[in-house]
PDB file of N, CA and C in Angstrom:
ATOM      1  N   MET A   1     -19.324 -34.055   2.512  1.00  0.00           N
ATOM      2  CA  MET A   1     -19.668 -32.972   3.736  1.00  0.00           C
ATOM      3  C   MET A   1     -18.242 -33.013   4.235  1.00  0.00           C
ATOM      4  N   LYS A   2     -17.284 -34.205   4.258  1.00  0.00           N
ATOM      5  CA  LYS A   2     -15.995 -33.987   5.010  1.00  0.00           C
ATOM      6  C   LYS A   2     -14.830 -33.924   4.333  1.00  0.00           C
ATOM      7  N   SER A   3     -15.127 -33.814   2.992  1.00  0.00           N
ATOM      8  CA  SER A   3     -14.770 -33.049   2.049  1.00  0.00           C
ATOM      9  C   SER A   3     -14.310 -31.228   2.347  1.00  0.00           C
ATOM     10  N   VAL A   4     -15.694 -30.739   2.589  1.00  0.00           N
ATOM     11  CA  VAL A   4     -16.032 -29.218   2.352  1.00  0.00           C
ATOM     12  C   VAL A   4     -15.614 -29.202   3.759  1.00  0.00           C
ATOM     13  N   LEU A   5     -15.562 -29.263   5.206  1.00  0.00           N
ATOM     14  CA  LEU A   5     -15.078 -29.485   6.009  1.00  0.00           C
ATOM     15  C   LEU A   5     -13.243 -28.944   5.587  1.00  0.00           C
ATOM     16  N   SER A   6     -12.765 -29.725   5.017  1.00  0.00           N
ATOM     17  CA  SER A   6     -11.216 -29.880   5.441  1.00  0.00           C
ATOM     18  C   SER A   6     -10.844 -28.967   4.469  1.00  0.00           C
ATOM     19  N   TRP A   7     -11.626 -28.891   3.227  1.00  0.00           N
ATOM     20  CA  TRP A   7     -11.375 -27.247   2.415  1.00  0.00           C
ATOM     21  C   TRP A   7     -11.386 -25.971   3.130  1.00  0.00           C
ATOM     22  N   ILE A   8     -12.551 -25.735   4.018  1.00  0.00           N
ATOM     23  CA  ILE A   8     -12.738 -24.692   4.808  1.00  0.00           C
ATOM     24  C   ILE A   8     -11.643 -24.546   6.240  1.00  0.00           C
ATOM     25  N   LEU A   9     -10.993 -25.467   6.830  1.00  0.00           N
ATOM     26  CA  LEU A   9      -9.830 -25.848   6.964  1.00  0.00           C
ATOM     27  C   LEU A   9      -8.488 -25.027   6.621  1.00  0.00           C
ATOM     28  N   VAL A  10      -8.540 -25.286   5.019  1.00  0.00           N
ATOM     29  CA  VAL A  10      -7.715 -25.368   4.405  1.00  0.00           C
ATOM     30  C   VAL A  10      -7.974 -24.147   4.296  1.00  0.00           C
ATOM     31  N   LEU A  11      -8.190 -23.193   3.737  1.00  0.00           N
ATOM     32  CA  LEU A  11      -8.702 -21.991   2.879  1.00  0.00           C
ATOM     33  C   LEU A  11      -8.531 -21.094   4.621  1.00  0.00           C
ATOM     34  N   SER A  12      -9.068 -21.577   5.635  1.00  0.00           N
ATOM     35  CA  SER A  12      -8.741 -20.530   6.906  1.00  0.00           C
ATOM     36  C   SER A  12      -7.367 -20.461   7.026  1.00  0.00           C
ATOM     37  N   MET A  13      -6.933 -21.743   7.496  1.00  0.00           N
ATOM     38  CA  MET A  13      -5.431 -21.845   7.436  1.00  0.00           C
ATOM     39  C   MET A  13      -4.686 -20.935   6.863  1.00  0.00           C
ATOM     40  N   LEU A  14      -4.593 -20.494   5.174  1.00  0.00           N
ATOM     41  CA  LEU A  14      -4.235 -19.649   4.469  1.00  0.00           C
ATOM     42  C   LEU A  14      -4.254 -18.316   4.784  1.00  0.00           C
ATOM     43  N   LEU A  15      -5.514 -17.775   5.090  1.00  0.00           N
ATOM     44  CA  LEU A  15      -5.691 -16.425   5.604  1.00  0.00           C
ATOM     45  C   LEU A  15      -5.073 -16.298   6.918  1.00  0.00           C
ATOM     46  N   VAL A  16      -5.234 -17.089   7.719  1.00  0.00           N
ATOM     47  CA  VAL A  16      -4.356 -16.654   8.831  1.00  0.00           C
ATOM     48  C   VAL A  16      -2.942 -16.303   8.369  1.00  0.00           C
ATOM     49  N   GLY A  17      -2.248 -17.879   7.297  1.00  0.00           N
ATOM     50  CA  GLY A  17      -1.039 -17.226   7.320  1.00  0.00           C
ATOM     51  C   GLY A  17      -0.818 -16.253   6.328  1.00  0.00           C
ATOM     52  N   ILE A  18      -1.902 -15.874   5.580  1.00  0.00           N
ATOM     53  CA  ILE A  18      -1.726 -14.575   4.814  1.00  0.00           C
ATOM     54  C   ILE A  18      -1.260 -13.164   6.026  1.00  0.00           C
ATOM     55  N   GLY A  19      -2.458 -13.196   6.774  1.00  0.00           N
ATOM     56  CA  GLY A  19      -2.250 -12.139   7.795  1.00  0.00           C
ATOM     57  C   GLY A  19      -1.268 -11.802   8.477  1.00  0.00           C
ATOM     58  N   SER A  20      -0.479 -13.376   9.187  1.00  0.00           N
ATOM     59  CA  SER A  20       0.733 -13.628   9.502  1.00  0.00           C
ATOM     60  C   SER A  20       1.741 -12.745   8.590  1.00  0.00           C
ATOM     61  N   ALA A  21       1.512 -13.003   7.552  1.00  0.00           N
ATOM     62  CA  ALA A  21       2.936 -12.431   6.592  1.00  0.00           C
ATOM     63  C   ALA A  21       2.940 -10.377   6.544  1.00  0.00           C
ATOM     64  N   VAL A  22       1.759 -10.024   6.148  1.00  0.00           N
ATOM     65  CA  VAL A  22       1.562  -8.674   6.418  1.00  0.00           C
ATOM     66  C   VAL A  22       2.202  -8.108   7.638  1.00  0.00           C
ATOM     67  N   GLU A  23       1.343  -8.641   8.279  1.00  0.00           N
ATOM     68  CA  GLU A  23       2.027  -8.691  10.376  1.00  0.00           C
ATOM     69  C   GLU A  23       3.605  -8.435  10.178  1.00  0.00           C
ATOM     70  N   ALA A  24       4.050  -9.422  10.029  1.00  0.00           N
ATOM     71  CA  ALA A  24       5.888  -9.639   9.650  1.00  0.00           C
ATOM     72  C   ALA A  24       6.299  -8.321   9.274  1.00  0.00           C
ATOM     73  N   GLN A  25       5.408  -8.087   7.928  1.00  0.00           N
ATOM     74  CA  GLN A  25       6.162  -7.142   7.146  1.00  0.00           C
ATOM     75  C   GLN A  25       6.129  -5.762   8.027  1.00  0.00           C
ATOM     76  N   ALA A  26       4.916  -5.843   7.958  1.00  0.00           N
ATOM     77  CA  ALA A  26       4.759  -4.690   9.221  1.00  0.00           C
ATOM     78  C   ALA A  26       6.000  -4.048  10.534  1.00  0.00           C
ATOM     79  N   ARG A  27       6.119  -5.097  11.015  1.00  0.00           N
ATOM     80  CA  ARG A  27       7.322  -5.072  11.736  1.00  0.00           C
ATOM     81  C   ARG A  27       8.399  -4.759  11.531  1.00  0.00           C
ATOM     82  N   THR A  28       8.840  -5.242  10.183  1.00  0.00           N
ATOM     83  CA  THR A  28      10.086  -4.934   9.483  1.00  0.00           C
ATOM     84  C   THR A  28      10.642  -3.607   9.219  1.00  0.00           C
ATOM     85  N   LYS A  29       9.458  -3.296   8.738  1.00  0.00           N
ATOM     86  CA  LYS A  29       9.516  -1.774   8.413  1.00  0.00           C
ATOM     87  C   LYS A  29       9.928  -1.433   9.790  1.00  0.00           C
ATOM     88  N   THR A  30       9.189  -1.451  10.538  1.00  0.00           N
ATOM     89  CA  THR A  30       9.229  -0.444  12.033  1.00  0.00           C
ATOM     90  C   THR A  30      10.612  -0.258  12.612  1.00  0.00           C
ATOM     91  N   GLN A  31      11.404  -1.640  12.477  1.00  0.00           N
ATOM     92  CA  GLN A  31      12.369  -2.270  13.005  1.00  0.00           C
ATOM     93  C   GLN A  31      13.496  -1.790  12.006  1.00  0.00           C
ATOM     94  N   TYR A  32      13.324  -1.545  10.439  1.00  0.00           N
ATOM     95  CA  TYR A  32      14.440  -0.902   9.816  1.00  0.00           C
ATOM     96  C   TYR A  32      13.957   0.503   9.781  1.00  0.00           C
ATOM     97  N   ASP A  33      13.640   1.697  10.219  1.00  0.00           N
ATOM     98  CA  ASP A  33      13.063   2.430  10.991  1.00  0.00           C
ATOM     99  C   ASP A  33      13.767   2.784  11.386  1.00  0.00           C
ATOM    100  N   GLU A  34      13.651   2.123  12.795  1.00  0.00           N
ATOM    101  CA  GLU A  34      14.068   2.290  13.984  1.00  0.00           C
ATOM    102  C   GLU A  34      16.006   2.178  14.159  1.00  0.00           C
ATOM    103  N   GLU A  35      16.130   1.163  13.516  1.00  0.00           N
ATOM    104  CA  GLU A  35      17.445   0.659  13.222  1.00  0.00           C
ATOM    105  C   GLU A  35      18.685   1.549  12.236  1.00  0.00           C
ATOM    106  N   PHE A  36      17.736   2.508  11.412  1.00  0.00           N
ATOM    107  CA  PHE A  36      18.253   3.294   9.958  1.00  0.00           C
ATOM    108  C   PHE A  36      18.180   4.605  10.740  1.00  0.00           C
ATOM    109  N   SER A  37      17.222   4.824  11.918  1.00  0.00           N
ATOM    110  CA  SER A  37      17.196   6.502  12.618  1.00  0.00           C
ATOM    111  C   SER A  37      18.500   6.096  13.920  1.00  0.00           C
ATOM    112  N   ARG A  38      18.810   4.960  14.421  1.00  0.00           N
ATOM    113  CA  ARG A  38      19.946   4.952  15.359  1.00  0.00           C
ATOM    114  C   ARG A  38      21.350   5.068  14.865  1.00  0.00           C
ATOM    115  N   LEU A  39      21.257   4.541  13.630  1.00  0.00           N
ATOM    116  CA  LEU A  39      22.720   4.237  13.172  1.00  0.00           C
ATOM    117  C   LEU A  39      22.842   5.360  12.196  1.00  0.00           C
ATOM    118  N   ASP A  40      21.595   6.668  12.217  1.00  0.00           N
ATOM    119  CA  ASP A  40      21.902   8.249  11.385  1.00  0.00           C
ATOM    120  C   ASP A  40      22.734   8.706  12.613  1.00  0.00           C
ATOM    121  N   ARG A  41      23.290   8.898  12.765  1.00  0.00           N
ATOM    122  CA  ARG A  41      24.395   9.953  14.203  1.00  0.00           C
ATOM    123  C   ARG A  41      24.192  11.234  13.770  1.00  0.00           C
ATOM    124  N   ASN A  42      24.194  11.523  12.517  1.00  0.00           N
ATOM    125  CA  ASN A  42      23.714  13.462  12.389  1.00  0.00           C
ATOM    126  C   ASN A  42      22.507  13.579  11.865  1.00  0.00           C
ATOM    127  N   SER A  43      21.431  12.556  11.411  1.00  0.00           N
ATOM    128  CA  SER A  43      20.356  12.837  11.227  1.00  0.00           C
ATOM    129  C   SER A  43      20.089  13.317   9.336  1.00  0.00           C
ATOM    130  N   ASP A  44      20.645  13.276   9.147  1.00  0.00           N
ATOM    131  CA  ASP A  44      20.604  14.015   7.411  1.00  0.00           C
ATOM    132  C   ASP A  44      20.105  12.720   6.749  1.00  0.00           C
ATOM    133  N   LYS A  45      19.395  11.803   7.535  1.00  0.00           N
ATOM    134  CA  LYS A  45      18.704  11.450   6.487  1.00  0.00           C
ATOM    135  C   LYS A  45      19.542   9.839   5.597  1.00  0.00           C
ATOM    136  N   ARG A  46      20.635  10.250   5.682  1.00  0.00           N
ATOM    137  CA  ARG A  46      21.436   8.815   5.100  1.00  0.00           C
ATOM    138  C   ARG A  46      22.612   8.374   6.021  1.00  0.00           C
ATOM    139  N   LEU A  47      23.150   7.897   5.462  1.00  0.00           N
ATOM    140  CA  LEU A  47      24.223   6.715   6.243  1.00  0.00           C
ATOM    141  C   LEU A  47      25.582   6.697   5.830  1.00  0.00           C
ATOM    142  N   SER A  48      26.517   7.308   6.066  1.00  0.00           N
ATOM    143  CA  SER A  48      27.498   6.855   6.145  1.00  0.00           C
ATOM    144  C   SER A  48      28.281   5.706   6.604  1.00  0.00           C
ATOM    145  N   GLU A  49      29.459   5.377   5.278  1.00  0.00           N
ATOM    146  CA  GLU A  49      29.692   4.268   5.638  1.00  0.00           C
ATOM    147  C   GLU A  49      30.165   3.832   6.944  1.00  0.00           C
ATOM    148  N   GLN A  50      31.045   5.002   7.813  1.00  0.00           N
ATOM    149  CA  GLN A  50      31.065   4.892   9.246  1.00  0.00           C
ATOM    150  C   GLN A  50      30.456   4.976  10.001  1.00  0.00           C
ATOM    151  N   GLU A  51      29.195   5.309  10.182  1.00  0.00           N
ATOM    152  CA  GLU A  51      27.847   4.991  10.388  1.00  0.00           C
ATOM    153  C   GLU A  51      27.815   4.153  10.356  1.00  0.00           C
ATOM    154  N   TYR A  52      27.409   3.554   9.362  1.00  0.00           N
ATOM    155  CA  TYR A  52      26.824   1.955   9.022  1.00  0.00           C
ATOM    156  C   TYR A  52      27.617   1.192   9.815  1.00  0.00           C
ATOM    157  N   VAL A  53      29.236   1.427   9.356  1.00  0.00           N
ATOM    158  CA  VAL A  53      29.912  -0.284  10.336  1.00  0.00           C
ATOM    159  C   VAL A  53      29.974   0.253  11.681  1.00  0.00           C
ATOM    160  N   GLY A  54      29.684   1.326  12.331  1.00  0.00           N
ATOM    161  CA  GLY A  54      29.922   1.522  13.465  1.00  0.00           C
ATOM    162  C   GLY A  54      31.536   0.926  13.739  1.00  0.00           C
ATOM    163  N   LYS A  55      31.065   0.798  15.034  1.00  0.00           N
ATOM    164  CA  LYS A  55      31.986  -0.294  16.238  1.00  0.00           C
ATOM    165  C   LYS A  55      32.850  -1.368  16.154  1.00  0.00           C
ATOM    166  N   LYS A  56      32.313  -1.623  14.728  1.00  0.00           N
ATOM    167  CA  LYS A  56      32.815  -3.084  14.371  1.00  0.00           C
ATOM    168  C   LYS A  56      33.945  -3.511  14.090  1.00  0.00           C
ATOM    169  N   THR A  57      34.542  -4.640  14.342  1.00  0.00           N
ATOM    170  CA  THR A  57      35.836  -4.583  14.296  1.00  0.00           C
ATOM    171  C   THR A  57      36.009  -6.038  13.472  1.00  0.00           C
ATOM    172  N   GLY A  58      37.529  -6.528  13.284  1.00  0.00           N
ATOM    173  CA  GLY A  58      38.058  -7.752  12.535  1.00  0.00           C
ATOM    174  C   GLY A  58      37.186  -7.696  11.986  1.00  0.00           C
ATOM    175  N   GLU A  59      36.308  -9.146  11.382  1.00  0.00           N
ATOM    176  CA  GLU A  59      35.745  -9.963  10.083  1.00  0.00           C
ATOM    177  C   GLU A  59      34.320  -9.102  10.063  1.00  0.00           C
ATOM    178  N   ALA A  60      34.078  -8.480  10.808  1.00  0.00           N
ATOM    179  CA  ALA A  60      32.884  -7.818  10.944  1.00  0.00           C
ATOM    180  C   ALA A  60      32.546  -6.632  10.519  1.00  0.00           C
ATOM    181  N   LYS A  61      33.834  -6.148  10.491  1.00  0.00           N
ATOM    182  CA  LYS A  61      34.206  -5.106  10.142  1.00  0.00           C
ATOM    183  C   LYS A  61      34.291  -4.913   8.624  1.00  0.00           C
ATOM    184  N   GLU A  62      34.737  -5.471   7.520  1.00  0.00           N
ATOM    185  CA  GLU A  62      34.915  -6.069   7.044  1.00  0.00           C
ATOM    186  C   GLU A  62      33.749  -6.513   5.974  1.00  0.00           C
ATOM    187  N   ARG A  63      32.541  -7.523   7.114  1.00  0.00           N
ATOM    188  CA  ARG A  63      31.610  -7.781   6.074  1.00  0.00           C
ATOM    189  C   ARG A  63      30.895  -6.571   6.228  1.00  0.00           C
ATOM    190  N   ALA A  64      30.842  -5.615   7.178  1.00  0.00           N
ATOM    191  CA  ALA A  64      30.143  -4.435   7.315  1.00  0.00           C
ATOM    192  C   ALA A  64      30.640  -3.566   5.857  1.00  0.00           C
ATOM    193  N   ARG A  65      31.484  -3.506   5.994  1.00  0.00           N
ATOM    194  CA  ARG A  65      32.082  -2.771   4.380  1.00  0.00           C
ATOM    195  C   ARG A  65      31.941  -3.170   3.428  1.00  0.00           C
ATOM    196  N   ARG A  66      32.318  -4.362   2.637  1.00  0.00           N
ATOM    197  CA  ARG A  66      31.789  -5.188   2.077  1.00  0.00           C
ATOM    198  C   ARG A  66      29.830  -4.639   1.490  1.00  0.00           C
ATOM    199  N   ASP A  67      29.184  -5.244   2.789  1.00  0.00           N
ATOM    200  CA  ASP A  67      27.597  -4.999   2.477  1.00  0.00           C
ATOM    201  C   ASP A  67      27.167  -3.672   2.253  1.00  0.00           C
ATOM    202  N   PHE A  68      27.975  -2.802   2.800  1.00  0.00           N
ATOM    203  CA  PHE A  68      27.813  -1.399   2.297  1.00  0.00           C
ATOM    204  C   PHE A  68      27.872  -0.547   0.966  1.00  0.00           C
ATOM    205  N   LYS A  69      29.354  -0.995   0.569  1.00  0.00           N
ATOM    206  CA  LYS A  69      29.070  -1.607  -0.746  1.00  0.00           C
ATOM    207  C   LYS A  69      28.303  -1.701  -1.825  1.00  0.00           C
ATOM    208  N   ASN A  70      27.994  -3.189  -1.679  1.00  0.00           N
ATOM    209  CA  ASN A  70      27.033  -3.331  -2.398  1.00  0.00           C
ATOM    210  C   ASN A  70      25.692  -2.894  -1.985  1.00  0.00           C
ATOM    211  N   LEU A  71      25.378  -2.198  -1.112  1.00  0.00           N
ATOM    212  CA  LEU A  71      24.084  -1.893  -1.041  1.00  0.00           C
ATOM    213  C   LEU A  71      24.056  -0.040  -1.477  1.00  0.00           C
ATOM    214  N   ASP A  72      25.182   0.466  -1.697  1.00  0.00           N
ATOM    215  CA  ASP A  72      25.430   1.492  -2.292  1.00  0.00           C
ATOM    216  C   ASP A  72      25.646   1.483  -3.798  1.00  0.00           C
ATOM    217  N   ARG A  73      23.711   1.807  -4.345  1.00  0.00           N
ATOM    218  CA  ARG A  73      23.986   1.350  -5.753  1.00  0.00           C
ATOM    219  C   ARG A  73      24.412   2.548  -6.603  1.00  0.00           C
ATOM    220  N   ASP A  74      23.602   3.984  -5.763  1.00  0.00           N
ATOM    221  CA  ASP A  74      24.011   4.965  -6.587  1.00  0.00           C
ATOM    222  C   ASP A  74      25.456   5.375  -6.683  1.00  0.00           C
ATOM    223  N   GLU A  75      26.422   4.708  -5.501  1.00  0.00           N
ATOM    224  CA  GLU A  75      27.628   4.949  -5.315  1.00  0.00           C
ATOM    225  C   GLU A  75      28.177   6.385  -4.942  1.00  0.00           C
ATOM    226  N   ASN A  76      27.393   6.714  -4.417  1.00  0.00           N
ATOM    227  CA  ASN A  76      27.884   8.203  -3.636  1.00  0.00           C
ATOM    228  C   ASN A  76      27.772   8.341  -2.083  1.00  0.00           C
ATOM    229  N   LYS A  77      28.706   6.848  -2.261  1.00  0.00           N
ATOM    230  CA  LYS A  77      29.664   7.012  -0.611  1.00  0.00           C
ATOM    231  C   LYS A  77      28.506   7.045   0.333  1.00  0.00           C
ATOM    232  N   SER A  78      26.715   6.986   0.632  1.00  0.00           N
ATOM    233  CA  SER A  78      26.011   6.620   1.609  1.00  0.00           C
ATOM    234  C   SER A  78      25.042   6.098   1.378  1.00  0.00           C
ATOM    235  N   LEU A  79      24.278   5.667   2.208  1.00  0.00           N
ATOM    236  CA  LEU A  79      22.989   4.857   2.199  1.00  0.00           C
ATOM    237  C   LEU A  79      21.878   5.855   2.317  1.00  0.00           C
ATOM    238  N   SER A  80      20.312   5.706   1.496  1.00  0.00           N
ATOM    239  CA  SER A  80      19.422   6.296   2.015  1.00  0.00           C
ATOM    240  C   SER A  80      19.338   5.224   2.100  1.00  0.00           C
ATOM    241  N   TYR A  81      17.582   5.740   2.792  1.00  0.00           N
ATOM    242  CA  TYR A  81      16.559   4.706   3.760  1.00  0.00           C
ATOM    243  C   TYR A  81      16.355   3.315   2.949  1.00  0.00           C
ATOM    244  N   LYS A  82      16.094   3.819   1.353  1.00  0.00           N
ATOM    245  CA  LYS A  82      15.784   2.545   0.577  1.00  0.00           C
ATOM    246  C   LYS A  82      17.275   1.689   0.080  1.00  0.00           C
ATOM    247  N   GLU A  83      17.660   2.588   0.075  1.00  0.00           N
ATOM    248  CA  GLU A  83      19.143   1.927  -0.412  1.00  0.00           C
ATOM    249  C   GLU A  83      19.530   0.789   0.875  1.00  0.00           C
ATOM    250  N   TYR A  84      18.842   1.073   2.155  1.00  0.00           N
ATOM    251  CA  TYR A  84      19.406   0.983   3.615  1.00  0.00           C
ATOM    252  C   TYR A  84      18.238  -0.500   3.702  1.00  0.00           C
ATOM    253  N   LYS A  85      17.205  -0.226   3.502  1.00  0.00           N
ATOM    254  CA  LYS A  85      16.559  -1.560   3.455  1.00  0.00           C
ATOM    255  C   LYS A  85      16.055  -2.511   2.290  1.00  0.00           C
ATOM    256  N   ARG A  86      17.469  -2.663   1.795  1.00  0.00           N
ATOM    257  CA  ARG A  86      17.339  -3.300   0.918  1.00  0.00           C
ATOM    258  C   ARG A  86      18.503  -4.879   1.201  1.00  0.00           C
ATOM    259  N   LYS A  87      19.037  -4.717   2.240  1.00  0.00           N
ATOM    260  CA  LYS A  87      19.843  -5.535   3.017  1.00  0.00           C
ATOM    261  C   LYS A  87      18.723  -6.677   3.662  1.00  0.00           C
TER     262      LYS A  87
END
């Protein structure tokens, strides 16, 4: 009986963990949506390097430029939403 209760407890913890992971993914997508929209100043559904880098300076600016180039898979000098959310 004790081992059955232990298994039930373990399974219920796993189910709660799975639910939390799904909820975290949903929040992440919403965060990406909001951030992408905020950065997309001209609302063309693409981010230019200038939009992506923004007002960063120094090392943060250089890191953002490197990140932009790594995310721009099709090398068209802009990021689609799909490319952006890979970050």
